[in-house]
PDB file of N, CA and C in Angstrom:
ATOM      1  N   MET A   1       0.847  -1.183   0.000  1.00  0.00           N
ATOM      2  CA  MET A   1       0.000   0.000   0.000  1.00  0.00           C
ATOM      3  C   MET A   1       0.889   1.242   0.000  1.00  0.00           C
ATOM      4  N   ASN A   2       0.369   2.397   0.368  1.00  0.00           N
ATOM      5  CA  ASN A   2       1.122   3.651   0.331  1.00  0.00           C
ATOM      6  C   ASN A   2       1.793   3.977   1.655  1.00  0.00           C
ATOM      7  N   GLY A   3       2.246   2.980   2.418  1.00  0.00           N
ATOM      8  CA  GLY A   3       2.869   3.251   3.694  1.00  0.00           C
ATOM      9  C   GLY A   3       1.886   3.385   4.836  1.00  0.00           C
ATOM     10  N   PHE A   4       0.600   3.180   4.568  1.00  0.00           N
ATOM     11  CA  PHE A   4      -0.409   3.216   5.618  1.00  0.00           C
ATOM     12  C   PHE A   4      -1.434   2.135   5.322  1.00  0.00           C
ATOM     13  N   GLN A   5      -2.163   1.755   6.337  1.00  0.00           N
ATOM     14  CA  GLN A   5      -3.179   0.729   6.161  1.00  0.00           C
ATOM     15  C   GLN A   5      -4.541   1.256   6.588  1.00  0.00           C
ATOM     16  N   LEU A   6      -5.534   0.993   5.780  1.00  0.00           N
ATOM     17  CA  LEU A   6      -6.908   1.348   6.075  1.00  0.00           C
ATOM     18  C   LEU A   6      -7.634   0.136   6.631  1.00  0.00           C
ATOM     19  N   TYR A   7      -8.605   0.394   7.525  1.00  0.00           N
ATOM     20  CA  TYR A   7      -9.385  -0.675   8.132  1.00  0.00           C
ATOM     21  C   TYR A   7     -10.849  -0.286   8.164  1.00  0.00           C
ATOM     22  N   LYS A   8     -11.690  -1.315   8.092  1.00  0.00           N
ATOM     23  CA  LYS A   8     -13.119  -1.193   8.337  1.00  0.00           C
ATOM     24  C   LYS A   8     -13.408  -2.047   9.571  1.00  0.00           C
ATOM     25  N   LEU A   9     -14.628  -1.957  10.047  1.00  0.00           N
ATOM     26  CA  LEU A   9     -15.062  -2.817  11.142  1.00  0.00           C
ATOM     27  C   LEU A   9     -16.114  -3.786  10.637  1.00  0.00           C
ATOM     28  N   ASN A  10     -15.997  -5.017  11.098  1.00  0.00           N
ATOM     29  CA  ASN A  10     -17.050  -6.012  10.937  1.00  0.00           C
ATOM     30  C   ASN A  10     -17.512  -6.306  12.354  1.00  0.00           C
ATOM     31  N   GLY A  11     -18.594  -5.657  12.766  1.00  0.00           N
ATOM     32  CA  GLY A  11     -18.959  -5.689  14.179  1.00  0.00           C
ATOM     33  C   GLY A  11     -17.929  -4.865  14.946  1.00  0.00           C
ATOM     34  N   ARG A  12     -17.171  -5.546  15.784  1.00  0.00           N
ATOM     35  CA  ARG A  12     -16.105  -4.874  16.546  1.00  0.00           C
ATOM     36  C   ARG A  12     -14.718  -5.347  16.137  1.00  0.00           C
ATOM     37  N   GLU A  13     -14.656  -6.112  15.056  1.00  0.00           N
ATOM     38  CA  GLU A  13     -13.394  -6.678  14.583  1.00  0.00           C
ATOM     39  C   GLU A  13     -12.842  -5.893  13.393  1.00  0.00           C
ATOM     40  N   LEU A  14     -11.516  -5.719  13.371  1.00  0.00           N
ATOM     41  CA  LEU A  14     -10.844  -5.019  12.278  1.00  0.00           C
ATOM     42  C   LEU A  14     -10.835  -5.862  11.015  1.00  0.00           C
ATOM     43  N   VAL A  15     -11.040  -5.200   9.896  1.00  0.00           N
ATOM     44  CA  VAL A  15     -10.936  -5.830   8.588  1.00  0.00           C
ATOM     45  C   VAL A  15     -10.027  -4.948   7.740  1.00  0.00           C
ATOM     46  N   PRO A  16      -8.837  -5.449   7.347  1.00  0.00           N
ATOM     47  CA  PRO A  16      -7.974  -4.653   6.471  1.00  0.00           C
ATOM     48  C   PRO A  16      -8.691  -4.351   5.159  1.00  0.00           C
ATOM     49  N   CYS A  17      -8.449  -3.187   4.628  1.00  0.00           N
ATOM     50  CA  CYS A  17      -9.106  -2.748   3.404  1.00  0.00           C
ATOM     51  C   CYS A  17      -8.051  -2.195   2.455  1.00  0.00           C
ATOM     52  N   ASP A  18      -7.830  -2.891   1.349  1.00  0.00           N
ATOM     53  CA  ASP A  18      -6.800  -2.482   0.392  1.00  0.00           C
ATOM     54  C   ASP A  18      -7.323  -1.561  -0.704  1.00  0.00           C
ATOM     55  N   ASN A  19      -8.625  -1.396  -0.762  1.00  0.00           N
ATOM     56  CA  ASN A  19      -9.222  -0.561  -1.796  1.00  0.00           C
ATOM     57  C   ASN A  19      -9.733   0.718  -1.149  1.00  0.00           C
ATOM     58  N   VAL A  20      -9.121   1.837  -1.448  1.00  0.00           N
ATOM     59  CA  VAL A  20      -9.466   3.099  -0.798  1.00  0.00           C
ATOM     60  C   VAL A  20     -10.901   3.527  -1.101  1.00  0.00           C
ATOM     61  N   LEU A  21     -11.424   3.220  -2.276  1.00  0.00           N
ATOM     62  CA  LEU A  21     -12.805   3.587  -2.587  1.00  0.00           C
ATOM     63  C   LEU A  21     -13.792   2.757  -1.777  1.00  0.00           C
ATOM     64  N   ASP A  22     -13.506   1.470  -1.623  1.00  0.00           N
ATOM     65  CA  ASP A  22     -14.339   0.605  -0.783  1.00  0.00           C
ATOM     66  C   ASP A  22     -14.320   1.121   0.655  1.00  0.00           C
ATOM     67  N   TRP A  23     -13.131   1.466   1.152  1.00  0.00           N
ATOM     68  CA  TRP A  23     -12.981   1.994   2.508  1.00  0.00           C
ATOM     69  C   TRP A  23     -13.759   3.304   2.661  1.00  0.00           C
ATOM     70  N   ALA A  24     -13.630   4.187   1.695  1.00  0.00           N
ATOM     71  CA  ALA A  24     -14.288   5.500   1.768  1.00  0.00           C
ATOM     72  C   ALA A  24     -15.814   5.352   1.773  1.00  0.00           C
ATOM     73  N   ARG A  25     -16.335   4.436   0.957  1.00  0.00           N
ATOM     74  CA  ARG A  25     -17.780   4.210   0.951  1.00  0.00           C
ATOM     75  C   ARG A  25     -18.245   3.686   2.303  1.00  0.00           C
ATOM     76  N   TRP A  26     -17.496   2.757   2.883  1.00  0.00           N
ATOM     77  CA  TRP A  26     -17.846   2.233   4.206  1.00  0.00           C
ATOM     78  C   TRP A  26     -17.757   3.343   5.252  1.00  0.00           C
ATOM     79  N   PHE A  27     -16.662   4.089   5.236  1.00  0.00           N
ATOM     80  CA  PHE A  27     -16.390   5.133   6.226  1.00  0.00           C
ATOM     81  C   PHE A  27     -17.465   6.212   6.220  1.00  0.00           C
ATOM     82  N   GLU A  28     -17.981   6.524   5.057  1.00  0.00           N
ATOM     83  CA  GLU A  28     -18.965   7.590   4.882  1.00  0.00           C
ATOM     84  C   GLU A  28     -20.255   7.342   5.671  1.00  0.00           C
ATOM     85  N   THR A  29     -20.658   6.093   5.813  1.00  0.00           N
ATOM     86  CA  THR A  29     -21.932   5.790   6.455  1.00  0.00           C
ATOM     87  C   THR A  29     -21.804   4.980   7.740  1.00  0.00           C
ATOM     88  N   ALA A  30     -20.609   4.550   8.081  1.00  0.00           N
ATOM     89  CA  ALA A  30     -20.417   3.673   9.242  1.00  0.00           C
ATOM     90  C   ALA A  30     -20.620   4.421  10.559  1.00  0.00           C
ATOM     91  N   ASP A  31     -21.167   3.711  11.529  1.00  0.00           N
ATOM     92  CA  ASP A  31     -21.230   4.247  12.893  1.00  0.00           C
ATOM     93  C   ASP A  31     -19.921   3.860  13.568  1.00  0.00           C
ATOM     94  N   ARG A  32     -19.027   4.807  13.708  1.00  0.00           N
ATOM     95  CA  ARG A  32     -17.690   4.554  14.228  1.00  0.00           C
ATOM     96  C   ARG A  32     -17.547   4.896  15.707  1.00  0.00           C
ATOM     97  N   HIS A  33     -18.629   5.290  16.349  1.00  0.00           N
ATOM     98  CA  HIS A  33     -18.580   5.695  17.751  1.00  0.00           C
ATOM     99  C   HIS A  33     -18.495   4.488  18.671  1.00  0.00           C
ATOM    100  N   VAL A  34     -17.538   4.523  19.564  1.00  0.00           N
ATOM    101  CA  VAL A  34     -17.404   3.503  20.603  1.00  0.00           C
ATOM    102  C   VAL A  34     -18.148   3.967  21.850  1.00  0.00           C
ATOM    103  N   ALA A  35     -17.907   5.221  22.251  1.00  0.00           N
ATOM    104  CA  ALA A  35     -18.554   5.771  23.448  1.00  0.00           C
ATOM    105  C   ALA A  35     -18.423   7.286  23.444  1.00  0.00           C
ATOM    106  N   GLU A  36     -19.357   7.922  24.157  1.00  0.00           N
ATOM    107  CA  GLU A  36     -19.310   9.368  24.368  1.00  0.00           C
ATOM    108  C   GLU A  36     -19.911   9.651  25.742  1.00  0.00           C
ATOM    109  N   THR A  37     -19.196  10.453  26.537  1.00  0.00           N
ATOM    110  CA  THR A  37     -19.621  10.743  27.899  1.00  0.00           C
ATOM    111  C   THR A  37     -19.349  12.211  28.197  1.00  0.00           C
ATOM    112  N   ILE A  38     -20.298  12.853  28.854  1.00  0.00           N
ATOM    113  CA  ILE A  38     -20.114  14.229  29.319  1.00  0.00           C
ATOM    114  C   ILE A  38     -19.727  14.173  30.789  1.00  0.00           C
ATOM    115  N   VAL A  39     -18.637  14.849  31.118  1.00  0.00           N
ATOM    116  CA  VAL A  39     -18.186  14.954  32.512  1.00  0.00           C
ATOM    117  C   VAL A  39     -17.959  16.433  32.795  1.00  0.00           C
ATOM    118  N   GLY A  40     -18.856  17.026  33.566  1.00  0.00           N
ATOM    119  CA  GLY A  40     -18.755  18.466  33.820  1.00  0.00           C
ATOM    120  C   GLY A  40     -18.843  19.233  32.517  1.00  0.00           C
ATOM    121  N   ASP A  41     -17.818  20.052  32.230  1.00  0.00           N
ATOM    122  CA  ASP A  41     -17.814  20.832  30.998  1.00  0.00           C
ATOM    123  C   ASP A  41     -16.965  20.186  29.898  1.00  0.00           C
ATOM    124  N   ALA A  42     -16.666  18.897  30.064  1.00  0.00           N
ATOM    125  CA  ALA A  42     -15.865  18.174  29.071  1.00  0.00           C
ATOM    126  C   ALA A  42     -16.702  17.078  28.409  1.00  0.00           C
ATOM    127  N   ARG A  43     -16.405  16.841  27.139  1.00  0.00           N
ATOM    128  CA  ARG A  43     -17.003  15.731  26.403  1.00  0.00           C
ATOM    129  C   ARG A  43     -15.880  14.755  26.067  1.00  0.00           C
ATOM    130  N   VAL A  44     -16.066  13.497  26.444  1.00  0.00           N
ATOM    131  CA  VAL A  44     -15.093  12.444  26.150  1.00  0.00           C
ATOM    132  C   VAL A  44     -15.678  11.611  25.016  1.00  0.00           C
ATOM    133  N   SER A  45     -14.947  11.535  23.917  1.00  0.00           N
ATOM    134  CA  SER A  45     -15.424  10.832  22.731  1.00  0.00           C
ATOM    135  C   SER A  45     -14.397   9.782  22.315  1.00  0.00           C
ATOM    136  N   THR A  46     -14.890   8.564  22.064  1.00  0.00           N
ATOM    137  CA  THR A  46     -14.024   7.486  21.594  1.00  0.00           C
ATOM    138  C   THR A  46     -14.591   6.974  20.277  1.00  0.00           C
ATOM    139  N   VAL A  47     -13.732   6.942  19.248  1.00  0.00           N
ATOM    140  CA  VAL A  47     -14.158   6.572  17.902  1.00  0.00           C
ATOM    141  C   VAL A  47     -13.150   5.635  17.243  1.00  0.00           C
ATOM    142  N   PHE A  48     -13.645   4.955  16.228  1.00  0.00           N
ATOM    143  CA  PHE A  48     -12.802   4.162  15.330  1.00  0.00           C
ATOM    144  C   PHE A  48     -12.280   5.095  14.250  1.00  0.00           C
ATOM    145  N   LEU A  49     -10.953   5.131  14.055  1.00  0.00           N
ATOM    146  CA  LEU A  49     -10.339   6.060  13.114  1.00  0.00           C
ATOM    147  C   LEU A  49     -10.311   5.534  11.678  1.00  0.00           C
ATOM    148  N   GLY A  50     -10.133   4.231  11.518  1.00  0.00           N
ATOM    149  CA  GLY A  50     -10.102   3.635  10.191  1.00  0.00           C
ATOM    150  C   GLY A  50      -8.754   3.678   9.503  1.00  0.00           C
ATOM    151  N   LEU A  51      -7.799   4.374  10.063  1.00  0.00           N
ATOM    152  CA  LEU A  51      -6.447   4.505   9.513  1.00  0.00           C
ATOM    153  C   LEU A  51      -5.471   4.175  10.624  1.00  0.00           C
ATOM    154  N   ASP A  52      -4.492   3.343  10.326  1.00  0.00           N
ATOM    155  CA  ASP A  52      -3.497   2.962  11.327  1.00  0.00           C
ATOM    156  C   ASP A  52      -2.634   4.162  11.699  1.00  0.00           C
ATOM    157  N   HIS A  53      -2.853   4.692  12.915  1.00  0.00           N
ATOM    158  CA  HIS A  53      -2.077   5.834  13.394  1.00  0.00           C
ATOM    159  C   HIS A  53      -0.739   5.415  13.991  1.00  0.00           C
ATOM    160  N   GLY A  54      -0.430   4.123  13.947  1.00  0.00           N
ATOM    161  CA  GLY A  54       0.914   3.644  14.258  1.00  0.00           C
ATOM    162  C   GLY A  54       1.755   3.594  12.996  1.00  0.00           C
ATOM    163  N   PHE A  55       1.100   3.798  11.838  1.00  0.00           N
ATOM    164  CA  PHE A  55       1.724   3.850  10.518  1.00  0.00           C
ATOM    165  C   PHE A  55       2.633   2.665  10.257  1.00  0.00           C
ATOM    166  N   GLY A  56       2.185   1.475  10.735  1.00  0.00           N
ATOM    167  CA  GLY A  56       2.930   0.243  10.496  1.00  0.00           C
ATOM    168  C   GLY A  56       4.116   0.045  11.398  1.00  0.00           C
ATOM    169  N   ASN A  57       4.328   0.943  12.362  1.00  0.00           N
ATOM    170  CA  ASN A  57       5.499   0.872  13.239  1.00  0.00           C
ATOM    171  C   ASN A  57       5.220   0.177  14.564  1.00  0.00           C
ATOM    172  N   CYS A  58       4.007  -0.350  14.753  1.00  0.00           N
ATOM    173  CA  CYS A  58       3.626  -1.005  16.003  1.00  0.00           C
ATOM    174  C   CYS A  58       3.251  -2.449  15.706  1.00  0.00           C
ATOM    175  N   ASP A  59       3.249  -3.269  16.752  1.00  0.00           N
ATOM    176  CA  ASP A  59       2.876  -4.674  16.585  1.00  0.00           C
ATOM    177  C   ASP A  59       1.447  -4.821  16.081  1.00  0.00           C
ATOM    178  N   GLN A  60       0.552  -3.959  16.563  1.00  0.00           N
ATOM    179  CA  GLN A  60      -0.843  -3.972  16.138  1.00  0.00           C
ATOM    180  C   GLN A  60      -1.213  -2.581  15.627  1.00  0.00           C
ATOM    181  N   PRO A  61      -2.146  -2.500  14.680  1.00  0.00           N
ATOM    182  CA  PRO A  61      -2.554  -1.174  14.194  1.00  0.00           C
ATOM    183  C   PRO A  61      -3.217  -0.364  15.307  1.00  0.00           C
ATOM    184  N   ILE A  62      -2.977   0.926  15.286  1.00  0.00           N
ATOM    185  CA  ILE A  62      -3.573   1.866  16.239  1.00  0.00           C
ATOM    186  C   ILE A  62      -4.723   2.547  15.507  1.00  0.00           C
ATOM    187  N   VAL A  63      -5.962   2.122  15.819  1.00  0.00           N
ATOM    188  CA  VAL A  63      -7.101   2.548  14.998  1.00  0.00           C
ATOM    189  C   VAL A  63      -8.289   3.112  15.779  1.00  0.00           C
ATOM    190  N   PHE A  64      -8.156   3.250  17.086  1.00  0.00           N
ATOM    191  CA  PHE A  64      -9.196   3.846  17.919  1.00  0.00           C
ATOM    192  C   PHE A  64      -8.600   5.011  18.687  1.00  0.00           C
ATOM    193  N   GLU A  65      -9.430   6.011  18.999  1.00  0.00           N
ATOM    194  CA  GLU A  65      -8.940   7.191  19.703  1.00  0.00           C
ATOM    195  C   GLU A  65      -9.991   7.718  20.671  1.00  0.00           C
ATOM    196  N   THR A  66      -9.525   8.038  21.883  1.00  0.00           N
ATOM    197  CA  THR A  66     -10.333   8.771  22.849  1.00  0.00           C
ATOM    198  C   THR A  66      -9.785  10.180  22.931  1.00  0.00           C
ATOM    199  N   MET A  67     -10.666  11.167  22.842  1.00  0.00           N
ATOM    200  CA  MET A  67     -10.244  12.553  22.936  1.00  0.00           C
ATOM    201  C   MET A  67     -11.175  13.296  23.880  1.00  0.00           C
ATOM    202  N   VAL A  68     -10.583  14.236  24.626  1.00  0.00           N
ATOM    203  CA  VAL A  68     -11.344  15.085  25.541  1.00  0.00           C
ATOM    204  C   VAL A  68     -11.511  16.453  24.888  1.00  0.00           C
ATOM    205  N   PHE A  69     -12.753  16.914  24.862  1.00  0.00           N
ATOM    206  CA  PHE A  69     -13.078  18.235  24.310  1.00  0.00           C
ATOM    207  C   PHE A  69     -13.638  19.091  25.431  1.00  0.00           C
ATOM    208  N   GLY A  70     -12.969  20.190  25.735  1.00  0.00           N
ATOM    209  CA  GLY A  70     -13.421  21.101  26.781  1.00  0.00           C
ATOM    210  C   GLY A  70     -12.839  20.757  28.141  1.00  0.00           C
ATOM    211  N   GLY A  71     -13.065  21.649  29.080  1.00  0.00           N
ATOM    212  CA  GLY A  71     -12.579  21.443  30.443  1.00  0.00           C
ATOM    213  C   GLY A  71     -11.071  21.587  30.562  1.00  0.00           C
ATOM    214  N   ASN A  72     -10.551  21.229  31.731  1.00  0.00           N
ATOM    215  CA  ASN A  72      -9.122  21.376  32.020  1.00  0.00           C
ATOM    216  C   ASN A  72      -8.246  20.426  31.217  1.00  0.00           C
ATOM    217  N   ASN A  73      -8.805  19.333  30.730  1.00  0.00           N
ATOM    218  CA  ASN A  73      -8.022  18.333  29.990  1.00  0.00           C
ATOM    219  C   ASN A  73      -8.288  18.405  28.487  1.00  0.00           C
ATOM    220  N   ASP A  74      -8.799  19.538  28.025  1.00  0.00           N
ATOM    221  CA  ASP A  74      -9.110  19.715  26.610  1.00  0.00           C
ATOM    222  C   ASP A  74      -7.930  19.288  25.745  1.00  0.00           C
ATOM    223  N   GLY A  75      -8.199  18.429  24.780  1.00  0.00           N
ATOM    224  CA  GLY A  75      -7.158  17.974  23.859  1.00  0.00           C
ATOM    225  C   GLY A  75      -6.457  16.705  24.283  1.00  0.00           C
ATOM    226  N   ALA A  76      -6.700  16.227  25.512  1.00  0.00           N
ATOM    227  CA  ALA A  76      -6.072  14.975  25.942  1.00  0.00           C
ATOM    228  C   ALA A  76      -6.528  13.862  24.997  1.00  0.00           C
ATOM    229  N   CYS A  77      -5.593  12.974  24.665  1.00  0.00           N
ATOM    230  CA  CYS A  77      -5.869  11.961  23.651  1.00  0.00           C
ATOM    231  C   CYS A  77      -5.161  10.657  24.011  1.00  0.00           C
ATOM    232  N   GLN A  78      -5.846   9.557  23.795  1.00  0.00           N
ATOM    233  CA  GLN A  78      -5.258   8.221  23.932  1.00  0.00           C
ATOM    234  C   GLN A  78      -5.685   7.408  22.718  1.00  0.00           C
ATOM    235  N   ARG A  79      -4.806   6.510  22.267  1.00  0.00           N
ATOM    236  CA  ARG A  79      -5.129   5.671  21.107  1.00  0.00           C
ATOM    237  C   ARG A  79      -4.954   4.202  21.455  1.00  0.00           C
ATOM    238  N   TYR A  80      -5.677   3.342  20.706  1.00  0.00           N
ATOM    239  CA  TYR A  80      -5.755   1.927  21.035  1.00  0.00           C
ATOM    240  C   TYR A  80      -5.811   1.080  19.763  1.00  0.00           C
ATOM    241  N   SER A  81      -5.614  -0.221  19.963  1.00  0.00           N
ATOM    242  CA  SER A  81      -5.625  -1.173  18.851  1.00  0.00           C
ATOM    243  C   SER A  81      -6.935  -1.929  18.697  1.00  0.00           C
ATOM    244  N   THR A  82      -7.659  -2.135  19.796  1.00  0.00           N
ATOM    245  CA  THR A  82      -8.877  -2.943  19.728  1.00  0.00           C
ATOM    246  C   THR A  82     -10.069  -2.192  20.313  1.00  0.00           C
ATOM    247  N   TRP A  83     -11.256  -2.667  19.961  1.00  0.00           N
ATOM    248  CA  TRP A  83     -12.490  -2.093  20.499  1.00  0.00           C
ATOM    249  C   TRP A  83     -12.488  -2.217  22.019  1.00  0.00           C
ATOM    250  N   ALA A  84     -12.105  -3.381  22.529  1.00  0.00           N
ATOM    251  CA  ALA A  84     -12.099  -3.605  23.985  1.00  0.00           C
ATOM    252  C   ALA A  84     -11.138  -2.641  24.688  1.00  0.00           C
ATOM    253  N   GLU A  85      -9.958  -2.430  24.121  1.00  0.00           N
ATOM    254  CA  GLU A  85      -9.012  -1.467  24.700  1.00  0.00           C
ATOM    255  C   GLU A  85      -9.611  -0.062  24.667  1.00  0.00           C
ATOM    256  N   ALA A  86     -10.296   0.276  23.580  1.00  0.00           N
ATOM    257  CA  ALA A  86     -10.906   1.609  23.447  1.00  0.00           C
ATOM    258  C   ALA A  86     -12.000   1.809  24.491  1.00  0.00           C
ATOM    259  N   GLU A  87     -12.831   0.798  24.716  1.00  0.00           N
ATOM    260  CA  GLU A  87     -13.870   0.897  25.747  1.00  0.00           C
ATOM    261  C   GLU A  87     -13.248   1.068  27.128  1.00  0.00           C
ATOM    262  N   ALA A  88     -12.226   0.273  27.418  1.00  0.00           N
ATOM    263  CA  ALA A  88     -11.567   0.356  28.729  1.00  0.00           C
ATOM    264  C   ALA A  88     -10.859   1.696  28.896  1.00  0.00           C
ATOM    265  N   GLY A  89     -10.200   2.167  27.847  1.00  0.00           N
ATOM    266  CA  GLY A  89      -9.514   3.456  27.911  1.00  0.00           C
ATOM    267  C   GLY A  89     -10.480   4.605  28.086  1.00  0.00           C
ATOM    268  N   HIS A  90     -11.603   4.543  27.401  1.00  0.00           N
ATOM    269  CA  HIS A  90     -12.643   5.568  27.553  1.00  0.00           C
ATOM    270  C   HIS A  90     -13.116   5.611  29.003  1.00  0.00           C
ATOM    271  N   ALA A  91     -13.435   4.449  29.559  1.00  0.00           N
ATOM    272  CA  ALA A  91     -13.913   4.375  30.945  1.00  0.00           C
ATOM    273  C   ALA A  91     -12.868   4.912  31.919  1.00  0.00           C
ATOM    274  N   ALA A  92     -11.598   4.613  31.676  1.00  0.00           N
ATOM    275  CA  ALA A  92     -10.530   5.079  32.568  1.00  0.00           C
ATOM    276  C   ALA A  92     -10.413   6.603  32.539  1.00  0.00           C
ATOM    277  N   ILE A  93     -10.501   7.188  31.355  1.00  0.00           N
ATOM    278  CA  ILE A  93     -10.420   8.649  31.249  1.00  0.00           C
ATOM    279  C   ILE A  93     -11.631   9.298  31.907  1.00  0.00           C
ATOM    280  N   VAL A  94     -12.822   8.737  31.692  1.00  0.00           N
ATOM    281  CA  VAL A  94     -14.031   9.265  32.332  1.00  0.00           C
ATOM    282  C   VAL A  94     -13.883   9.187  33.846  1.00  0.00           C
ATOM    283  N   ASP A  95     -13.411   8.049  34.363  1.00  0.00           N
ATOM    284  CA  ASP A  95     -13.215   7.910  35.812  1.00  0.00           C
ATOM    285  C   ASP A  95     -12.212   8.934  36.335  1.00  0.00           C
ATOM    286  N   GLN A  96     -11.140   9.137  35.590  1.00  0.00           N
ATOM    287  CA  GLN A  96     -10.112  10.111  35.995  1.00  0.00           C
ATOM    288  C   GLN A  96     -10.702  11.519  36.048  1.00  0.00           C
ATOM    289  N   LEU A  97     -11.477  11.885  35.032  1.00  0.00           N
ATOM    290  CA  LEU A  97     -12.084  13.213  35.012  1.00  0.00           C
ATOM    291  C   LEU A  97     -13.092  13.382  36.145  1.00  0.00           C
ATOM    292  N   ARG A  98     -13.890  12.363  36.381  1.00  0.00           N
ATOM    293  CA  ARG A  98     -14.855  12.435  37.478  1.00  0.00           C
ATOM    294  C   ARG A  98     -14.163  12.566  38.819  1.00  0.00           C
ATOM    295  N   SER A  99     -13.077  11.847  39.018  1.00  0.00           N
ATOM    296  CA  SER A  99     -12.313  11.950  40.269  1.00  0.00           C
ATOM    297  C   SER A  99     -11.722  13.331  40.453  1.00  0.00           C
ATOM    298  N   SER A 100     -11.176  13.884  39.371  1.00  0.00           N
ATOM    299  CA  SER A 100     -10.553  15.209  39.473  1.00  0.00           C
ATOM    300  C   SER A 100     -11.590  16.310  39.629  1.00  0.00           C
ATOM    301  N   ASN A 101     -12.831  16.051  39.189  1.00  0.00           N
ATOM    302  CA  ASN A 101     -13.909  17.028  39.328  1.00  0.00           C
ATOM    303  C   ASN A 101     -14.702  16.826  40.616  1.00  0.00           C
ATOM    304  N   GLY A 102     -14.385  15.764  41.364  1.00  0.00           N
ATOM    305  CA  GLY A 102     -15.105  15.470  42.579  1.00  0.00           C
ATOM    306  C   GLY A 102     -16.493  14.933  42.348  1.00  0.00           C
ATOM    307  N   LYS A 103     -16.725  14.345  41.152  1.00  0.00           N
ATOM    308  CA  LYS A 103     -18.039  13.808  40.815  1.00  0.00           C
ATOM    309  C   LYS A 103     -17.966  12.295  40.764  1.00  0.00           C
ATOM    310  N   THR A 104     -19.088  11.656  41.076  1.00  0.00           N
ATOM    311  CA  THR A 104     -19.140  10.200  41.010  1.00  0.00           C
ATOM    312  C   THR A 104     -20.191   9.757  40.027  1.00  0.00           C
TER     313      THR A 104
END
């Protein structure tokens, strides 16, 4: 490929995609959201990226991302290889924000 790998999801499992048009058609309509949580004035969003953000330099593709929008941690970001890691990472960030905000 061009030094990067594209992926689609089949359920929660990664499927490599060698055809950029096939990937783009899937990406256009796919529900890529893993989780979204509001904590105080911050929104925590975890999504499937569809592009390996490890750029082939990691043992597993890095294709999920949790990002914080707003609040004191605005811009904080974590990336993951699997849906399960993304769910766990999302929950950990939400717990951290709730603890720092004094909310349960």
